[in-house]
Amino acid sequence: MLRIFEYMLWVALPVLQSAIGYRMWTRQLYRDYPLFFSYTIEQLLRFLLLFYCYHWSSQATYSRAFFGLNAVEAVLQLGVISELFFHIFRPYTGIVHLASALLRWAAVVLLLIAVLIAGFTSSTDSDLVLAAFFAMERSLQIVQGGLLFLLFVLTSALGLRWRQPSLGIALGFGIFTSVNLAAYSLRFQLGMTSHEVLSLISSAGYNCAVLVWLVSLYAREPILRKLSPHIPTWDLESWNQALLDLLRR
């Protein structure tokens, strides 16, 4: 029963992501979010290739395709988060430099934390390849989750307005990153006995993220309100000019 439900979630993804790709193409949002558009296309190609390998190829071919596509997906996911940083802070050139520096340092610190956690945590999985894969995936989710948290903290502290679909993209990534982090951590500890249930939870979390992206792209309201009405309004122009003057020295 779980396998059938997981299969349904898997098959539903290309339909939803095709709608996302179509919306971005017709509204020319691929110009503003080229990496997210590339990520959407990659997910469609990923489904087609894995679907073919799963039904009409060998297990070894499927495994190679799966691990290779996961590597590409990881790069694109981190690229999309970086794209959100620069898209939100783009009107403020000085703050962009500060945000990019924070992004680099945060990525390094989070990567070190992820490596330390992976090094000091033992897996119960008898398959060393799978154990290494889930440890790597958990480390990736830690880095992604930390960067998204930093993005929300900075935008909230500065009182910046979120525009569609930036908030939807960030929320979607936050949803499936949180679900995946929990699922991969449990899978790393429990081993194969939990694989089917946790795989289903991970798939459901990603489908929820795709639905959030779809809603944010098709919603009519062009500008989203601030995340909190109590955030003070900073003089960002003055901050931006001060940072620019400092960088020119």
Protein backbone atom coordinates (compact mmCIF):
# COMPACT_ATOMS: atom_id res chain seq x y z
CA MET A 1 0.00 0.00 0.00
CA LEU A 2 2.82 2.39 0.91
CA ARG A 3 4.60 1.58 -2.34
CA ILE A 4 1.47 2.41 -4.38
CA PHE A 5 1.00 5.73 -2.58
CA GLU A 6 4.67 6.62 -3.08
CA TYR A 7 4.36 5.75 -6.76
CA MET A 8 1.35 8.06 -7.07
CA LEU A 9 3.29 10.91 -5.47
CA TRP A 10 6.19 10.25 -7.82
CA VAL A 11 3.99 10.28 -10.94
CA ALA A 12 2.18 13.47 -9.83
CA LEU A 13 5.43 15.44 -9.71
CA PRO A 14 6.02 15.91 -13.48
CA VAL A 15 2.46 17.20 -13.92
CA LEU A 16 2.90 19.82 -11.20
CA GLN A 17 6.39 20.78 -12.29
CA SER A 18 5.30 21.05 -15.92
CA ALA A 19 2.72 23.61 -14.76
CA ILE A 20 5.50 25.48 -12.92
CA GLY A 21 7.74 25.45 -15.98
CA TYR A 22 4.90 26.61 -18.24
CA ARG A 23 4.02 29.49 -15.90
CA MET A 24 7.63 30.63 -15.65
CA TRP A 25 8.04 30.46 -19.43
CA THR A 26 4.84 32.36 -20.27
CA ARG A 27 5.54 35.09 -17.67
CA GLN A 28 9.25 35.11 -18.64
CA LEU A 29 10.19 34.47 -15.02
CA TYR A 30 13.06 32.30 -16.23
CA ARG A 31 14.92 35.58 -16.74
CA ASP A 32 14.55 36.55 -13.08
CA TYR A 33 14.98 33.02 -11.70
CA PRO A 34 17.18 31.17 -14.22
CA LEU A 35 18.52 28.68 -11.68
CA PHE A 36 15.09 27.82 -10.29
CA PHE A 37 13.83 27.38 -13.86
CA SER A 38 16.85 25.14 -14.60
CA TYR A 39 16.08 23.20 -11.42
CA THR A 40 12.48 22.68 -12.56
CA ILE A 41 13.61 21.42 -15.98
CA GLU A 42 16.18 19.17 -14.32
CA GLN A 43 13.45 17.65 -12.15
CA LEU A 44 11.36 16.85 -15.23
CA LEU A 45 14.33 15.25 -17.00
CA ARG A 46 15.20 13.42 -13.79
CA PHE A 47 11.73 11.88 -13.62
CA LEU A 48 11.84 10.74 -17.27
CA LEU A 49 15.30 9.23 -16.98
CA LEU A 50 14.68 7.47 -13.66
CA PHE A 51 11.26 6.26 -14.80
CA TYR A 52 12.87 4.72 -17.89
CA CYS A 53 15.74 3.16 -15.93
CA TYR A 54 13.39 1.82 -13.26
CA HIS A 55 11.10 0.02 -15.74
CA TRP A 56 13.29 -0.82 -18.73
CA SER A 57 16.88 -0.90 -17.55
CA SER A 58 19.04 -2.68 -14.97
CA GLN A 59 19.31 -1.93 -11.28
CA ALA A 60 22.94 -0.90 -11.73
CA THR A 61 22.01 1.62 -14.43
CA TYR A 62 19.24 3.02 -12.25
CA SER A 63 21.62 3.41 -9.30
CA ARG A 64 24.24 5.21 -11.38
CA ALA A 65 21.61 7.54 -12.85
CA PHE A 66 20.11 8.20 -9.40
CA PHE A 67 23.41 9.09 -7.73
CA GLY A 68 24.54 11.21 -10.68
CA LEU A 69 21.28 13.16 -10.85
CA ASN A 70 21.36 13.69 -7.09
CA ALA A 71 24.74 15.38 -7.44
CA VAL A 72 23.37 17.70 -10.14
CA GLU A 73 20.27 18.37 -8.04
CA ALA A 74 22.37 19.29 -4.98
CA VAL A 75 24.35 21.87 -6.96
CA LEU A 76 21.17 23.41 -8.40
CA GLN A 77 19.45 23.55 -5.01
CA LEU A 78 22.33 25.49 -3.48
CA GLY A 79 22.36 27.67 -6.58
CA VAL A 80 18.67 28.49 -6.17
CA ILE A 81 19.20 29.52 -2.54
CA SER A 82 22.06 31.80 -3.63
CA GLU A 83 19.80 33.18 -6.36
CA LEU A 84 17.17 34.06 -3.74
CA PHE A 85 19.77 35.93 -1.70
CA PHE A 86 20.85 38.08 -4.62
CA HIS A 87 17.31 38.55 -5.91
CA ILE A 88 16.03 39.88 -2.59
CA PHE A 89 18.99 42.18 -1.93
CA ARG A 90 19.54 43.21 -5.56
CA PRO A 91 18.15 46.78 -5.19
CA TYR A 92 20.86 47.48 -2.57
CA THR A 93 24.32 47.02 -4.08
CA GLY A 94 26.19 47.56 -0.83
CA ILE A 95 24.00 45.15 1.11
CA VAL A 96 24.43 42.57 -1.67
CA HIS A 97 28.18 42.50 -0.98
CA LEU A 98 27.53 42.04 2.73
CA ALA A 99 24.93 39.32 2.09
CA SER A 100 27.24 37.46 -0.32
CA ALA A 101 30.04 37.50 2.27
CA LEU A 102 27.65 36.21 4.96
CA LEU A 103 26.42 33.56 2.54
CA ARG A 104 29.94 32.27 1.87
CA TRP A 105 30.95 32.20 5.51
CA ALA A 106 27.67 30.63 6.58
CA ALA A 107 28.07 27.91 3.95
CA VAL A 108 31.59 27.13 5.20
CA VAL A 109 30.51 27.01 8.85
CA LEU A 110 27.44 24.90 8.10
CA LEU A 111 29.52 22.52 5.99
CA LEU A 112 31.98 22.06 8.86
CA ILE A 113 29.09 21.41 11.26
CA ALA A 114 27.59 18.87 8.84
CA VAL A 115 30.95 17.10 8.47
CA LEU A 116 31.42 16.95 12.24
CA ILE A 117 27.92 15.55 12.74
CA ALA A 118 28.53 12.94 10.03
CA GLY A 119 31.88 12.01 11.57
CA PHE A 120 30.58 11.57 15.11
CA THR A 121 27.37 9.74 14.17
CA SER A 122 27.38 6.02 13.48
CA SER A 123 24.96 4.37 11.08
CA THR A 124 23.13 1.08 11.60
CA ASP A 125 22.90 0.51 7.85
CA SER A 126 24.73 -2.62 6.72
CA ASP A 127 25.23 -1.20 3.21
CA LEU A 128 28.21 1.16 3.41
CA VAL A 129 27.33 2.87 0.12
CA LEU A 130 23.81 3.69 1.28
CA ALA A 131 25.11 4.78 4.68
CA ALA A 132 27.51 7.20 3.01
CA PHE A 133 24.78 8.46 0.68
CA PHE A 134 22.32 9.24 3.47
CA ALA A 135 25.07 10.87 5.54
CA MET A 136 25.91 13.09 2.57
CA GLU A 137 22.24 13.94 1.97
CA ARG A 138 21.76 14.83 5.62
CA SER A 139 24.81 17.10 5.47
CA LEU A 140 23.38 18.81 2.39
CA GLN A 141 20.05 19.41 4.15
CA ILE A 142 21.87 20.95 7.13
CA VAL A 143 23.67 23.40 4.84
CA GLN A 144 20.50 24.25 2.90
CA GLY A 145 18.39 24.65 6.03
CA GLY A 146 20.97 26.90 7.65
CA LEU A 147 21.25 29.14 4.59
CA LEU A 148 17.46 29.45 4.33
CA PHE A 149 17.26 30.31 8.02
CA LEU A 150 19.90 33.01 7.50
CA LEU A 151 17.92 34.38 4.55
CA PHE A 152 14.71 34.67 6.59
CA VAL A 153 16.56 36.24 9.53
CA LEU A 154 18.25 38.88 7.36
CA THR A 155 15.09 39.84 5.48
CA SER A 156 13.10 40.03 8.72
CA ALA A 157 15.77 42.05 10.54
CA LEU A 158 16.01 44.55 7.67
CA GLY A 159 12.25 44.71 7.17
CA LEU A 160 12.46 43.84 3.49
CA ARG A 161 9.37 43.05 1.46
CA TRP A 162 9.11 39.64 -0.17
CA ARG A 163 7.95 39.57 -3.75
CA GLN A 164 6.33 36.68 -5.53
CA PRO A 165 7.49 34.09 -6.19
CA SER A 166 10.60 34.57 -4.03
CA LEU A 167 8.78 33.85 -0.77
CA GLY A 168 7.02 30.82 -2.27
CA ILE A 169 10.30 29.39 -3.55
CA ALA A 170 11.99 29.95 -0.18
CA LEU A 171 9.07 28.44 1.77
CA GLY A 172 8.95 25.43 -0.55
CA PHE A 173 12.63 24.78 -0.09
CA GLY A 174 12.23 25.24 3.65
CA ILE A 175 9.44 22.64 3.77
CA PHE A 176 11.16 19.84 1.93
CA THR A 177 14.57 20.63 3.48
CA SER A 178 13.08 20.28 6.98
CA VAL A 179 11.23 17.07 6.09
CA ASN A 180 14.28 15.59 4.36
CA LEU A 181 16.58 16.47 7.24
CA ALA A 182 14.32 14.65 9.68
CA ALA A 183 13.80 11.70 7.32
CA TYR A 184 17.50 11.28 6.45
CA SER A 185 18.51 11.57 10.11
CA LEU A 186 16.07 8.82 11.09
CA ARG A 187 17.05 6.69 8.08
CA PHE A 188 20.71 7.08 9.03
CA GLN A 189 19.96 5.83 12.54
CA LEU A 190 17.30 3.16 11.90
CA GLY A 191 18.64 1.59 8.71
CA MET A 192 16.67 -0.35 6.09
CA THR A 193 13.75 -1.14 8.40
CA SER A 194 12.51 2.45 8.11
CA HIS A 195 13.28 2.96 4.43
CA GLU A 196 9.79 2.66 2.92
CA VAL A 197 8.00 4.83 5.48
CA LEU A 198 10.66 7.55 5.49
CA SER A 199 10.85 7.51 1.69
CA LEU A 200 7.10 8.10 1.56
CA ILE A 201 7.37 10.97 4.06
CA SER A 202 10.20 12.53 2.05
CA SER A 203 8.21 12.26 -1.20
CA ALA A 204 5.12 13.79 0.43
CA GLY A 205 7.20 16.67 1.78
CA TYR A 206 8.62 17.40 -1.65
CA ASN A 207 5.16 17.30 -3.23
CA CYS A 208 3.98 19.85 -0.66
CA ALA A 209 6.92 22.08 -1.61
CA VAL A 210 6.02 21.81 -5.30
CA LEU A 211 2.42 22.79 -4.48
CA VAL A 212 3.68 25.86 -2.60
CA TRP A 213 5.77 26.85 -5.65
CA LEU A 214 2.77 26.34 -7.91
CA VAL A 215 0.49 28.48 -5.76
CA SER A 216 3.07 31.27 -5.45
CA LEU A 217 3.52 31.37 -9.23
CA TYR A 218 -0.19 31.44 -10.03
CA ALA A 219 -1.29 33.76 -7.19
CA ARG A 220 -2.52 37.16 -8.31
CA GLU A 221 -1.15 39.40 -5.55
CA PRO A 222 2.11 40.83 -6.95
CA ILE A 223 3.73 41.86 -3.66
CA LEU A 224 3.57 39.89 -0.45
CA ARG A 225 3.36 41.61 2.90
CA LYS A 226 6.18 41.64 5.36
CA LEU A 227 6.52 38.50 7.41
CA SER A 228 5.80 40.49 10.58
CA PRO A 229 3.99 43.83 10.89
CA HIS A 230 6.09 44.67 13.99
CA ILE A 231 9.42 44.71 12.17
CA PRO A 232 10.92 48.22 12.30
CA THR A 233 11.44 50.06 9.04
CA TRP A 234 15.17 50.61 8.57
CA ASP A 235 16.66 53.34 6.40
CA LEU A 236 18.08 50.83 3.95
CA GLU A 237 19.18 53.48 1.48
CA SER A 238 21.47 55.03 4.08
CA TRP A 239 22.79 51.63 5.09
CA ASN A 240 23.39 50.74 1.47
CA GLN A 241 25.22 54.02 0.76
CA ALA A 242 27.37 53.64 3.88
CA LEU A 243 28.38 50.13 2.83
CA LEU A 244 29.20 51.34 -0.69
CA ASP A 245 31.39 54.12 0.72
CA LEU A 246 33.14 51.61 2.94
CA LEU A 247 33.78 49.23 0.02
CA ARG A 248 35.27 52.03 -2.11
CA ARG A 249 37.95 52.81 0.50
